[in-house]
Amino acid sequence: MEKLEVTIHPKRRRVVGDTAKDFKTEACVVLKQHAPLQYAYWKDIPTDNKKKMWLAMKQKFNLQDNFDVKKIVFEQLNRQYRSHRYKLHVYYTCNKDDEDILHKPPTGISQEDWEKLINYFESDGFKKISDRNKENRKKLKMAHSCGTKSIAQYCYEDRDPETEQEPTQTATWRKTRYSNKKNAWVDQVSEEVYEDIIRLQCQASDEGQESMNEDEAFINVLGPEKPSRRRGCGDGLKPPSRRGERINDELKKENEELKKQVEEDRACVESLKNDNKEMSERLQILESQVNHQEVQVHSQVQAILKINFPPLSKT
């Protein structure tokens, strides 16, 4: 069977393009076959199981066998692993009052895995994490309309066909938070954020000031960027680190100083050239004067010799 080609976004580190949906579907299948469900975190899954998953993904997709590609594949498997376990937890929560729930595993889940998973769901450690996540979800004021499609895929599909330039951060915000089917925003907060960002970018130019760029407008409305991801762009795309920004500022400053020094050196060289040109011209004048004086002296000497030493007459 011919392997499917995959396109990996160079910046977002996600599989995008025509085979992105197939890749995600296959990841679910591979997880159900080789990923034990009793582990709390992806990092706890045995290495042998991960090797089997990698080989299974390589059987269907043309994947380069290097560290970066393998990491991107495992990141996708990790997301699918957490999503799958979350759905199983929802199923358990909705049916936990059933006295026979222990013997009613969901389709595709073995009895052994289901029992281990229930024991984990009932553990104090899981309940603590679950309660914390519930509280965090309550604080969320904004949603998106992406569904199962990643923001990276949306941006890839909407890129300019000639320049391959992807939508701006503002355009991505609207694309993923405005429902075309309902012709409405998914929530009022997302709409207000979008309007504030547009207003800030237009306000400066209307007042004759330098226009506020997109990054500045986002930070002004939503607060500083988090280091883990760029706001409104999904996972995978990270903002420049503060350390990186500091280094860039230092390099920029050094570059400006070097440019200034180069200009000064260039001016000095031009000045020396002008001085040399002037000196050369003066030397030429002096040389011409000396040559002229030598001719005059030679003529005078010849005249004196003729007077004092007339030529002898022939007898």
C-alpha atoms as a PDB file:
ATOM      1  CA  MET A   1       0.000   0.000   0.000  1.00  0.00           C
ATOM      2  CA  GLU A   2       1.334   3.425  -0.950  1.00  0.00           C
ATOM      3  CA  LYS A   3       2.038   5.611   2.053  1.00  0.00           C
ATOM      4  CA  LEU A   4       0.261   8.945   2.453  1.00  0.00           C
ATOM      5  CA  GLU A   5       2.311  12.124   2.351  1.00  0.00           C
ATOM      6  CA  VAL A   6       2.051  14.526   5.282  1.00  0.00           C
ATOM      7  CA  THR A   7       2.658  18.262   5.488  1.00  0.00           C
ATOM      8  CA  ILE A   8       4.108  19.532   8.745  1.00  0.00           C
ATOM      9  CA  HIS A   9       3.663  23.223   9.437  1.00  0.00           C
ATOM     10  CA  PRO A  10       7.192  24.627   9.922  1.00  0.00           C
ATOM     11  CA  LYS A  11       6.219  27.033  12.717  1.00  0.00           C
ATOM     12  CA  ARG A  12       3.150  25.479  14.333  1.00  0.00           C
ATOM     13  CA  ARG A  13       4.558  21.932  14.444  1.00  0.00           C
ATOM     14  CA  ARG A  14       1.241  20.414  13.414  1.00  0.00           C
ATOM     15  CA  VAL A  15       0.257  18.139  10.550  1.00  0.00           C
ATOM     16  CA  VAL A  16      -1.808  20.206   8.099  1.00  0.00           C
ATOM     17  CA  GLY A  17      -3.103  19.836   4.573  1.00  0.00           C
ATOM     18  CA  ASP A  18      -5.173  17.229   2.775  1.00  0.00           C
ATOM     19  CA  THR A  19      -4.062  14.310   4.955  1.00  0.00           C
ATOM     20  CA  ALA A  20      -4.407  16.070   8.336  1.00  0.00           C
ATOM     21  CA  LYS A  21      -7.811  14.468   9.012  1.00  0.00           C
ATOM     22  CA  ASP A  22      -6.524  11.003   8.031  1.00  0.00           C
ATOM     23  CA  PHE A  23      -3.518  11.498  10.286  1.00  0.00           C
ATOM     24  CA  LYS A  24      -5.707  12.390  13.254  1.00  0.00           C
ATOM     25  CA  THR A  25      -8.060   9.454  12.630  1.00  0.00           C
ATOM     26  CA  GLU A  26      -5.181   6.995  12.363  1.00  0.00           C
ATOM     27  CA  ALA A  27      -3.708   8.357  15.593  1.00  0.00           C
ATOM     28  CA  CYS A  28      -6.949   7.419  17.390  1.00  0.00           C
ATOM     29  CA  VAL A  29      -6.830   3.899  15.965  1.00  0.00           C
ATOM     30  CA  VAL A  30      -3.175   3.434  16.915  1.00  0.00           C
ATOM     31  CA  LEU A  31      -3.786   4.674  20.459  1.00  0.00           C
ATOM     32  CA  LYS A  32      -6.602   2.208  21.029  1.00  0.00           C
ATOM     33  CA  GLN A  33      -4.338  -0.606  19.849  1.00  0.00           C
ATOM     34  CA  HIS A  34      -1.107   0.214  21.664  1.00  0.00           C
ATOM     35  CA  ALA A  35      -1.648   2.823  24.426  1.00  0.00           C
ATOM     36  CA  PRO A  36      -2.590   1.469  27.899  1.00  0.00           C
ATOM     37  CA  LEU A  37      -5.204   3.754  29.445  1.00  0.00           C
ATOM     38  CA  GLN A  38      -4.254   3.430  33.103  1.00  0.00           C
ATOM     39  CA  TYR A  39      -1.349   5.888  32.898  1.00  0.00           C
ATOM     40  CA  ALA A  40      -1.998   9.412  34.150  1.00  0.00           C
ATOM     41  CA  TYR A  41       0.377  11.066  31.693  1.00  0.00           C
ATOM     42  CA  TRP A  42       1.734  10.346  28.239  1.00  0.00           C
ATOM     43  CA  LYS A  43       5.292  10.373  29.584  1.00  0.00           C
ATOM     44  CA  ASP A  44       4.442   7.413  31.814  1.00  0.00           C
ATOM     45  CA  ILE A  45       3.513   5.124  28.903  1.00  0.00           C
ATOM     46  CA  PRO A  46       6.250   2.473  28.411  1.00  0.00           C
ATOM     47  CA  THR A  47       8.791   3.107  25.670  1.00  0.00           C
ATOM     48  CA  ASP A  48       7.958  -0.201  23.965  1.00  0.00           C
ATOM     49  CA  ASN A  49       4.358   0.922  23.490  1.00  0.00           C
ATOM     50  CA  LYS A  50       5.482   4.220  22.020  1.00  0.00           C
ATOM     51  CA  LYS A  51       7.776   2.414  19.594  1.00  0.00           C
ATOM     52  CA  LYS A  52       4.843   0.308  18.408  1.00  0.00           C
ATOM     53  CA  MET A  53       2.753   3.448  17.884  1.00  0.00           C
ATOM     54  CA  TRP A  54       5.546   5.139  15.921  1.00  0.00           C
ATOM     55  CA  LEU A  55       5.987   2.121  13.665  1.00  0.00           C
ATOM     56  CA  ALA A  56       2.218   1.866  13.154  1.00  0.00           C
ATOM     57  CA  MET A  57       2.033   5.526  12.068  1.00  0.00           C
ATOM     58  CA  LYS A  58       5.001   5.016   9.729  1.00  0.00           C
ATOM     59  CA  GLN A  59       3.243   2.123   8.050  1.00  0.00           C
ATOM     60  CA  LYS A  60       0.509   4.432   6.771  1.00  0.00           C
ATOM     61  CA  PHE A  61       2.311   7.764   6.426  1.00  0.00           C
ATOM     62  CA  ASN A  62       5.585   8.767   4.799  1.00  0.00           C
ATOM     63  CA  LEU A  63       7.381  10.067   7.905  1.00  0.00           C
ATOM     64  CA  GLN A  64      11.046  10.942   8.118  1.00  0.00           C
ATOM     65  CA  ASP A  65      12.780   8.970  10.835  1.00  0.00           C
ATOM     66  CA  ASN A  66      14.286  11.874  12.776  1.00  0.00           C
ATOM     67  CA  PHE A  67      13.858  13.415  16.210  1.00  0.00           C
ATOM     68  CA  ASP A  68      11.802  16.464  15.199  1.00  0.00           C
ATOM     69  CA  VAL A  69       9.237  14.524  13.140  1.00  0.00           C
ATOM     70  CA  LYS A  70       8.922  11.843  15.816  1.00  0.00           C
ATOM     71  CA  LYS A  71       8.342  14.507  18.459  1.00  0.00           C
ATOM     72  CA  ILE A  72       5.577  16.119  16.379  1.00  0.00           C
ATOM     73  CA  VAL A  73       3.899  12.725  15.886  1.00  0.00           C
ATOM     74  CA  PHE A  74       4.089  11.962  19.610  1.00  0.00           C
ATOM     75  CA  GLU A  75       2.676  15.411  20.441  1.00  0.00           C
ATOM     76  CA  GLN A  76      -0.345  14.601  18.277  1.00  0.00           C
ATOM     77  CA  LEU A  77      -0.688  11.159  19.898  1.00  0.00           C
ATOM     78  CA  ASN A  78      -0.479  12.814  23.316  1.00  0.00           C
ATOM     79  CA  ARG A  79      -3.322  15.187  22.455  1.00  0.00           C
ATOM     80  CA  GLN A  80      -5.401  12.291  21.178  1.00  0.00           C
ATOM     81  CA  TYR A  81      -4.569  10.247  24.285  1.00  0.00           C
ATOM     82  CA  ARG A  82      -5.806  12.984  26.625  1.00  0.00           C
ATOM     83  CA  SER A  83      -8.897  13.579  24.503  1.00  0.00           C
ATOM     84  CA  HIS A  84      -9.757   9.857  24.466  1.00  0.00           C
ATOM     85  CA  ARG A  85      -9.349   9.534  28.228  1.00  0.00           C
ATOM     86  CA  TYR A  86     -11.477  12.641  28.763  1.00  0.00           C
ATOM     87  CA  LYS A  87     -14.329  11.141  26.718  1.00  0.00           C
ATOM     88  CA  LEU A  88     -14.078   7.919  28.712  1.00  0.00           C
ATOM     89  CA  HIS A  89     -14.236   9.895  31.938  1.00  0.00           C
ATOM     90  CA  VAL A  90     -17.363  11.705  30.725  1.00  0.00           C
ATOM     91  CA  TYR A  91     -18.908   8.324  29.911  1.00  0.00           C
ATOM     92  CA  TYR A  92     -18.046   7.038  33.389  1.00  0.00           C
ATOM     93  CA  THR A  93     -19.345  10.180  35.119  1.00  0.00           C
ATOM     94  CA  CYS A  94     -22.681   9.964  33.297  1.00  0.00           C
ATOM     95  CA  ASN A  95     -23.115   6.280  34.176  1.00  0.00           C
ATOM     96  CA  LYS A  96     -21.366   5.889  37.519  1.00  0.00           C
ATOM     97  CA  ASP A  97     -24.679   5.429  39.351  1.00  0.00           C
ATOM     98  CA  ASP A  98     -25.151   2.223  37.409  1.00  0.00           C
ATOM     99  CA  GLU A  99     -24.152  -0.532  39.832  1.00  0.00           C
ATOM    100  CA  ASP A 100     -22.956  -2.652  36.926  1.00  0.00           C
ATOM    101  CA  ILE A 101     -20.852   0.112  35.301  1.00  0.00           C
ATOM    102  CA  LEU A 102     -17.666  -1.795  36.116  1.00  0.00           C
ATOM    103  CA  HIS A 103     -18.750  -4.548  33.749  1.00  0.00           C
ATOM    104  CA  LYS A 104     -19.933  -2.242  30.959  1.00  0.00           C
ATOM    105  CA  PRO A 105     -16.797  -0.942  29.243  1.00  0.00           C
ATOM    106  CA  PRO A 106     -17.285   1.386  26.257  1.00  0.00           C
ATOM    107  CA  THR A 107     -16.924  -0.066  22.788  1.00  0.00           C
ATOM    108  CA  GLY A 108     -13.303  -0.864  21.982  1.00  0.00           C
ATOM    109  CA  ILE A 109     -12.147  -0.887  25.631  1.00  0.00           C
ATOM    110  CA  SER A 110     -11.112  -4.162  27.200  1.00  0.00           C
ATOM    111  CA  GLN A 111     -12.513  -5.187  30.553  1.00  0.00           C
ATOM    112  CA  GLU A 112      -9.035  -5.103  32.084  1.00  0.00           C
ATOM    113  CA  ASP A 113      -8.305  -1.562  30.863  1.00  0.00           C
ATOM    114  CA  TRP A 114     -11.747  -0.370  31.947  1.00  0.00           C
ATOM    115  CA  GLU A 115     -11.267  -1.638  35.497  1.00  0.00           C
ATOM    116  CA  LYS A 116      -7.844   0.006  35.728  1.00  0.00           C
ATOM    117  CA  LEU A 117      -9.260   3.217  34.323  1.00  0.00           C
ATOM    118  CA  ILE A 118     -12.123   3.318  36.840  1.00  0.00           C
ATOM    119  CA  ASN A 119      -9.678   2.761  39.684  1.00  0.00           C
ATOM    120  CA  TYR A 120      -7.706   5.707  38.386  1.00  0.00           C
ATOM    121  CA  PHE A 121     -10.823   7.889  38.036  1.00  0.00           C
ATOM    122  CA  GLU A 122     -11.669   7.142  41.675  1.00  0.00           C
ATOM    123  CA  SER A 123      -8.166   7.856  42.971  1.00  0.00           C
ATOM    124  CA  ASP A 124      -7.521  10.944  45.120  1.00  0.00           C
ATOM    125  CA  GLY A 125      -4.827  12.146  42.729  1.00  0.00           C
ATOM    126  CA  PHE A 126      -7.153  12.142  39.714  1.00  0.00           C
ATOM    127  CA  LYS A 127     -10.021  13.767  41.636  1.00  0.00           C
ATOM    128  CA  LYS A 128      -7.713  16.576  42.716  1.00  0.00           C
ATOM    129  CA  ILE A 129      -6.610  17.201  39.122  1.00  0.00           C
ATOM    130  CA  SER A 130     -10.200  16.922  37.859  1.00  0.00           C
ATOM    131  CA  ASP A 131     -11.515  19.440  40.400  1.00  0.00           C
ATOM    132  CA  ARG A 132      -8.744  21.870  39.535  1.00  0.00           C
ATOM    133  CA  ASN A 133      -9.486  21.577  35.807  1.00  0.00           C
ATOM    134  CA  LYS A 134     -13.201  22.133  36.441  1.00  0.00           C
ATOM    135  CA  GLU A 135     -12.452  25.356  38.285  1.00  0.00           C
ATOM    136  CA  ASN A 136     -10.156  26.508  35.486  1.00  0.00           C
ATOM    137  CA  ARG A 137     -12.840  25.805  32.862  1.00  0.00           C
ATOM    138  CA  LYS A 138     -15.318  27.923  34.822  1.00  0.00           C
ATOM    139  CA  LYS A 139     -12.973  30.871  34.439  1.00  0.00           C
ATOM    140  CA  LEU A 140     -12.976  30.585  30.656  1.00  0.00           C
ATOM    141  CA  LYS A 141     -15.001  33.436  29.149  1.00  0.00           C
ATOM    142  CA  MET A 142     -14.270  32.798  25.474  1.00  0.00           C
ATOM    143  CA  ALA A 143     -14.829  29.804  23.219  1.00  0.00           C
ATOM    144  CA  HIS A 144     -14.036  29.048  19.590  1.00  0.00           C
ATOM    145  CA  SER A 145     -15.886  27.559  16.648  1.00  0.00           C
ATOM    146  CA  CYS A 146     -13.114  25.305  15.320  1.00  0.00           C
ATOM    147  CA  GLY A 147     -14.647  21.982  16.268  1.00  0.00           C
ATOM    148  CA  THR A 148     -12.191  19.145  15.653  1.00  0.00           C
ATOM    149  CA  LYS A 149     -10.186  21.092  13.068  1.00  0.00           C
ATOM    150  CA  SER A 150      -7.041  22.714  14.428  1.00  0.00           C
ATOM    151  CA  ILE A 151      -6.397  26.441  14.140  1.00  0.00           C
ATOM    152  CA  ALA A 152      -3.210  25.537  12.284  1.00  0.00           C
ATOM    153  CA  GLN A 153      -5.335  23.808   9.629  1.00  0.00           C
ATOM    154  CA  TYR A 154      -7.640  26.840   9.343  1.00  0.00           C
ATOM    155  CA  CYS A 155      -4.652  29.135   8.803  1.00  0.00           C
ATOM    156  CA  TYR A 156      -3.095  26.722   6.308  1.00  0.00           C
ATOM    157  CA  GLU A 157      -6.310  26.535   4.268  1.00  0.00           C
ATOM    158  CA  ASP A 158      -6.761  30.334   4.272  1.00  0.00           C
ATOM    159  CA  ARG A 159      -3.182  31.170   3.278  1.00  0.00           C
ATOM    160  CA  ASP A 160      -2.500  33.261   0.175  1.00  0.00           C
ATOM    161  CA  PRO A 161      -2.025  30.813  -2.760  1.00  0.00           C
ATOM    162  CA  GLU A 162       0.774  32.898  -4.283  1.00  0.00           C
ATOM    163  CA  THR A 163       2.752  34.214  -1.307  1.00  0.00           C
ATOM    164  CA  GLU A 164       1.590  31.488   1.129  1.00  0.00           C
ATOM    165  CA  GLN A 165       1.153  34.252   3.691  1.00  0.00           C
ATOM    166  CA  GLU A 166      -1.205  33.077   6.422  1.00  0.00           C
ATOM    167  CA  PRO A 167      -4.032  35.166   7.936  1.00  0.00           C
ATOM    168  CA  THR A 168      -3.096  37.750  10.520  1.00  0.00           C
ATOM    169  CA  GLN A 169      -3.660  37.143  14.207  1.00  0.00           C
ATOM    170  CA  THR A 170      -6.723  39.413  14.124  1.00  0.00           C
ATOM    171  CA  ALA A 171      -8.203  37.623  11.104  1.00  0.00           C
ATOM    172  CA  THR A 172      -7.561  34.257  12.782  1.00  0.00           C
ATOM    173  CA  TRP A 173      -9.375  35.451  15.897  1.00  0.00           C
ATOM    174  CA  ARG A 174     -12.487  36.294  13.881  1.00  0.00           C
ATOM    175  CA  LYS A 175     -12.270  33.157  11.739  1.00  0.00           C
ATOM    176  CA  THR A 176     -12.210  30.838  14.747  1.00  0.00           C
ATOM    177  CA  ARG A 177     -14.724  32.675  16.931  1.00  0.00           C
ATOM    178  CA  TYR A 178     -17.394  33.758  14.475  1.00  0.00           C
ATOM    179  CA  SER A 179     -19.930  31.193  13.286  1.00  0.00           C
ATOM    180  CA  ASN A 180     -20.832  31.649   9.627  1.00  0.00           C
ATOM    181  CA  LYS A 181     -23.702  29.178  10.004  1.00  0.00           C
ATOM    182  CA  LYS A 182     -25.303  31.198  12.793  1.00  0.00           C
ATOM    183  CA  ASN A 183     -24.021  34.501  11.432  1.00  0.00           C
ATOM    184  CA  ALA A 184     -23.002  35.429  14.963  1.00  0.00           C
ATOM    185  CA  TRP A 185     -20.081  35.384  17.375  1.00  0.00           C
ATOM    186  CA  VAL A 186     -19.746  32.326  19.616  1.00  0.00           C
ATOM    187  CA  ASP A 187     -19.798  34.613  22.665  1.00  0.00           C
ATOM    188  CA  GLN A 188     -20.031  38.296  23.451  1.00  0.00           C
ATOM    189  CA  VAL A 189     -16.567  38.527  25.013  1.00  0.00           C
ATOM    190  CA  SER A 190     -14.845  37.316  21.817  1.00  0.00           C
ATOM    191  CA  GLU A 191     -16.745  39.935  19.827  1.00  0.00           C
ATOM    192  CA  GLU A 192     -15.793  42.714  22.257  1.00  0.00           C
ATOM    193  CA  VAL A 193     -12.143  41.671  22.144  1.00  0.00           C
ATOM    194  CA  TYR A 194     -12.161  41.762  18.331  1.00  0.00           C
ATOM    195  CA  GLU A 195     -13.781  45.196  18.241  1.00  0.00           C
ATOM    196  CA  ASP A 196     -11.318  46.583  20.807  1.00  0.00           C
ATOM    197  CA  ILE A 197      -8.334  45.269  18.848  1.00  0.00           C
ATOM    198  CA  ILE A 198      -9.604  46.818  15.597  1.00  0.00           C
ATOM    199  CA  ARG A 199     -10.395  50.086  17.374  1.00  0.00           C
ATOM    200  CA  LEU A 200      -6.913  50.361  18.881  1.00  0.00           C
ATOM    201  CA  GLN A 201      -5.220  49.757  15.529  1.00  0.00           C
ATOM    202  CA  CYS A 202      -7.367  52.418  13.814  1.00  0.00           C
ATOM    203  CA  GLN A 203      -7.423  54.910  16.673  1.00  0.00           C
ATOM    204  CA  ALA A 204      -3.726  55.792  16.570  1.00  0.00           C
ATOM    205  CA  SER A 205      -3.736  56.545  12.831  1.00  0.00           C
ATOM    206  CA  ASP A 206      -6.911  58.657  13.147  1.00  0.00           C
ATOM    207  CA  GLU A 207      -5.212  60.763  15.814  1.00  0.00           C
ATOM    208  CA  GLY A 208      -2.142  61.247  13.660  1.00  0.00           C
ATOM    209  CA  GLN A 209      -0.009  58.985  15.851  1.00  0.00           C
ATOM    210  CA  GLU A 210       2.004  55.972  14.802  1.00  0.00           C
ATOM    211  CA  SER A 211      -0.355  53.047  14.227  1.00  0.00           C
ATOM    212  CA  MET A 212      -0.419  50.377  16.931  1.00  0.00           C
ATOM    213  CA  ASN A 213       0.699  47.056  15.477  1.00  0.00           C
ATOM    214  CA  GLU A 214      -1.250  43.854  15.907  1.00  0.00           C
ATOM    215  CA  ASP A 215       0.888  42.405  18.701  1.00  0.00           C
ATOM    216  CA  GLU A 216       0.615  45.620  20.714  1.00  0.00           C
ATOM    217  CA  ALA A 217      -3.169  45.725  20.241  1.00  0.00           C
ATOM    218  CA  PHE A 218      -3.588  42.098  21.398  1.00  0.00           C
ATOM    219  CA  ILE A 219      -1.427  42.678  24.484  1.00  0.00           C
ATOM    220  CA  ASN A 220      -3.272  45.910  25.253  1.00  0.00           C
ATOM    221  CA  VAL A 221      -6.657  44.161  25.163  1.00  0.00           C
ATOM    222  CA  LEU A 222      -5.865  40.666  26.475  1.00  0.00           C
ATOM    223  CA  GLY A 223      -2.747  41.229  28.543  1.00  0.00           C
ATOM    224  CA  PRO A 224       0.805  39.885  28.085  1.00  0.00           C
ATOM    225  CA  GLU A 225       1.341  36.774  25.993  1.00  0.00           C
ATOM    226  CA  LYS A 226       1.866  33.458  27.752  1.00  0.00           C
ATOM    227  CA  PRO A 227       5.197  31.777  26.954  1.00  0.00           C
ATOM    228  CA  SER A 228       3.533  28.469  26.011  1.00  0.00           C
ATOM    229  CA  ARG A 229       1.485  29.681  23.039  1.00  0.00           C
ATOM    230  CA  ARG A 230       0.589  32.751  21.042  1.00  0.00           C
ATOM    231  CA  ARG A 231      -2.845  34.023  21.965  1.00  0.00           C
ATOM    232  CA  GLY A 232      -5.625  33.164  19.513  1.00  0.00           C
ATOM    233  CA  CYS A 233      -3.339  31.031  17.323  1.00  0.00           C
ATOM    234  CA  GLY A 234      -3.760  27.614  18.914  1.00  0.00           C
ATOM    235  CA  ASP A 235      -0.965  25.470  20.272  1.00  0.00           C
ATOM    236  CA  GLY A 236       2.312  25.067  18.440  1.00  0.00           C
ATOM    237  CA  LEU A 237       2.905  28.741  17.648  1.00  0.00           C
ATOM    238  CA  LYS A 238       4.800  30.349  20.510  1.00  0.00           C
ATOM    239  CA  PRO A 239       5.523  34.052  21.030  1.00  0.00           C
ATOM    240  CA  PRO A 240       9.163  35.177  21.179  1.00  0.00           C
ATOM    241  CA  SER A 241      10.604  34.473  24.615  1.00  0.00           C
ATOM    242  CA  ARG A 242      11.495  37.423  26.839  1.00  0.00           C
ATOM    243  CA  ARG A 243      15.073  36.260  26.846  1.00  0.00           C
ATOM    244  CA  GLY A 244      14.970  36.090  23.051  1.00  0.00           C
ATOM    245  CA  GLU A 245      13.469  39.578  22.870  1.00  0.00           C
ATOM    246  CA  ARG A 246      16.188  40.899  25.200  1.00  0.00           C
ATOM    247  CA  ILE A 247      18.897  39.291  23.082  1.00  0.00           C
ATOM    248  CA  ASN A 248      17.281  40.704  19.917  1.00  0.00           C
ATOM    249  CA  ASP A 249      17.208  44.172  21.492  1.00  0.00           C
ATOM    250  CA  GLU A 250      20.868  43.880  22.459  1.00  0.00           C
ATOM    251  CA  LEU A 251      21.814  42.664  18.984  1.00  0.00           C
ATOM    252  CA  LYS A 252      19.777  45.466  17.429  1.00  0.00           C
ATOM    253  CA  LYS A 253      21.571  48.008  19.607  1.00  0.00           C
ATOM    254  CA  GLU A 254      24.961  46.544  18.725  1.00  0.00           C
ATOM    255  CA  ASN A 255      23.980  46.539  15.063  1.00  0.00           C
ATOM    256  CA  GLU A 256      23.033  50.222  15.200  1.00  0.00           C
ATOM    257  CA  GLU A 257      26.336  51.044  16.901  1.00  0.00           C
ATOM    258  CA  LEU A 258      28.236  49.071  14.254  1.00  0.00           C
ATOM    259  CA  LYS A 259      26.333  50.891  11.498  1.00  0.00           C
ATOM    260  CA  LYS A 260      27.232  54.221  13.108  1.00  0.00           C
ATOM    261  CA  GLN A 261      30.881  53.192  13.377  1.00  0.00           C
ATOM    262  CA  VAL A 262      30.909  52.072   9.739  1.00  0.00           C
ATOM    263  CA  GLU A 263      29.481  55.442   8.651  1.00  0.00           C
ATOM    264  CA  GLU A 264      32.118  57.269  10.673  1.00  0.00           C
ATOM    265  CA  ASP A 265      34.875  55.101   9.206  1.00  0.00           C
ATOM    266  CA  ARG A 266      33.491  55.655   5.713  1.00  0.00           C
ATOM    267  CA  ALA A 267      33.472  59.423   6.306  1.00  0.00           C
ATOM    268  CA  CYS A 268      37.053  59.245   7.591  1.00  0.00           C
ATOM    269  CA  VAL A 269      38.157  57.302   4.515  1.00  0.00           C
ATOM    270  CA  GLU A 270      36.469  59.826   2.220  1.00  0.00           C
ATOM    271  CA  SER A 271      38.203  62.625   4.099  1.00  0.00           C
ATOM    272  CA  LEU A 272      41.565  60.907   3.700  1.00  0.00           C
ATOM    273  CA  LYS A 273      40.867  60.377   0.016  1.00  0.00           C
ATOM    274  CA  ASN A 274      40.107  64.066  -0.391  1.00  0.00           C
ATOM    275  CA  ASP A 275      43.249  65.004   1.542  1.00  0.00           C
ATOM    276  CA  ASN A 276      45.310  62.634  -0.600  1.00  0.00           C
ATOM    277  CA  LYS A 277      43.771  64.034  -3.764  1.00  0.00           C
ATOM    278  CA  GLU A 278      44.565  67.573  -2.658  1.00  0.00           C
ATOM    279  CA  MET A 279      48.101  66.569  -1.704  1.00  0.00           C
ATOM    280  CA  SER A 280      48.577  64.830  -5.054  1.00  0.00           C
ATOM    281  CA  GLU A 281      47.408  67.902  -6.913  1.00  0.00           C
ATOM    282  CA  ARG A 282      49.822  70.102  -4.936  1.00  0.00           C
ATOM    283  CA  LEU A 283      52.675  67.701  -5.638  1.00  0.00           C
ATOM    284  CA  GLN A 284      51.884  67.812  -9.339  1.00  0.00           C
ATOM    285  CA  ILE A 285      51.936  71.623  -9.259  1.00  0.00           C
ATOM    286  CA  LEU A 286      55.255  71.660  -7.378  1.00  0.00           C
ATOM    287  CA  GLU A 287      56.695  69.079  -9.763  1.00  0.00           C
ATOM    288  CA  SER A 288      55.607  71.215 -12.729  1.00  0.00           C
ATOM    289  CA  GLN A 289      57.157  74.311 -11.163  1.00  0.00           C
ATOM    290  CA  VAL A 290      60.416  72.484 -10.507  1.00  0.00           C
ATOM    291  CA  ASN A 291      60.538  71.200 -14.075  1.00  0.00           C
ATOM    292  CA  HIS A 292      59.896  74.695 -15.365  1.00  0.00           C
ATOM    293  CA  GLN A 293      62.665  76.122 -13.182  1.00  0.00           C
ATOM    294  CA  GLU A 294      65.065  73.409 -14.351  1.00  0.00           C
ATOM    295  CA  VAL A 295      64.346  74.373 -17.994  1.00  0.00           C
ATOM    296  CA  GLN A 296      64.938  78.053 -17.192  1.00  0.00           C
ATOM    297  CA  VAL A 297      68.201  77.312 -15.369  1.00  0.00           C
ATOM    298  CA  HIS A 298      69.394  75.143 -18.199  1.00  0.00           C
ATOM    299  CA  SER A 299      68.608  77.901 -20.735  1.00  0.00           C
ATOM    300  CA  GLN A 300      70.430  80.523 -18.619  1.00  0.00           C
ATOM    301  CA  VAL A 301      73.481  78.287 -18.237  1.00  0.00           C
ATOM    302  CA  GLN A 302      73.607  77.748 -21.997  1.00  0.00           C
ATOM    303  CA  ALA A 303      73.372  81.484 -22.625  1.00  0.00           C
ATOM    304  CA  ILE A 304      76.216  82.250 -20.159  1.00  0.00           C
ATOM    305  CA  LEU A 305      78.410  79.601 -21.729  1.00  0.00           C
ATOM    306  CA  LYS A 306      77.897  81.077 -25.177  1.00  0.00           C
ATOM    307  CA  ILE A 307      78.881  84.529 -23.947  1.00  0.00           C
ATOM    308  CA  ASN A 308      81.940  83.529 -21.924  1.00  0.00           C
ATOM    309  CA  PHE A 309      83.090  80.725 -24.089  1.00  0.00           C
ATOM    310  CA  PRO A 310      82.349  81.574 -27.698  1.00  0.00           C
ATOM    311  CA  PRO A 311      82.920  78.789 -30.141  1.00  0.00           C
ATOM    312  CA  LEU A 312      86.417  78.685 -31.686  1.00  0.00           C
ATOM    313  CA  SER A 313      86.591  79.939 -35.287  1.00  0.00           C
ATOM    314  CA  LYS A 314      88.079  77.639 -37.907  1.00  0.00           C
ATOM    315  CA  THR A 315      91.367  78.752 -39.444  1.00  0.00           C
END
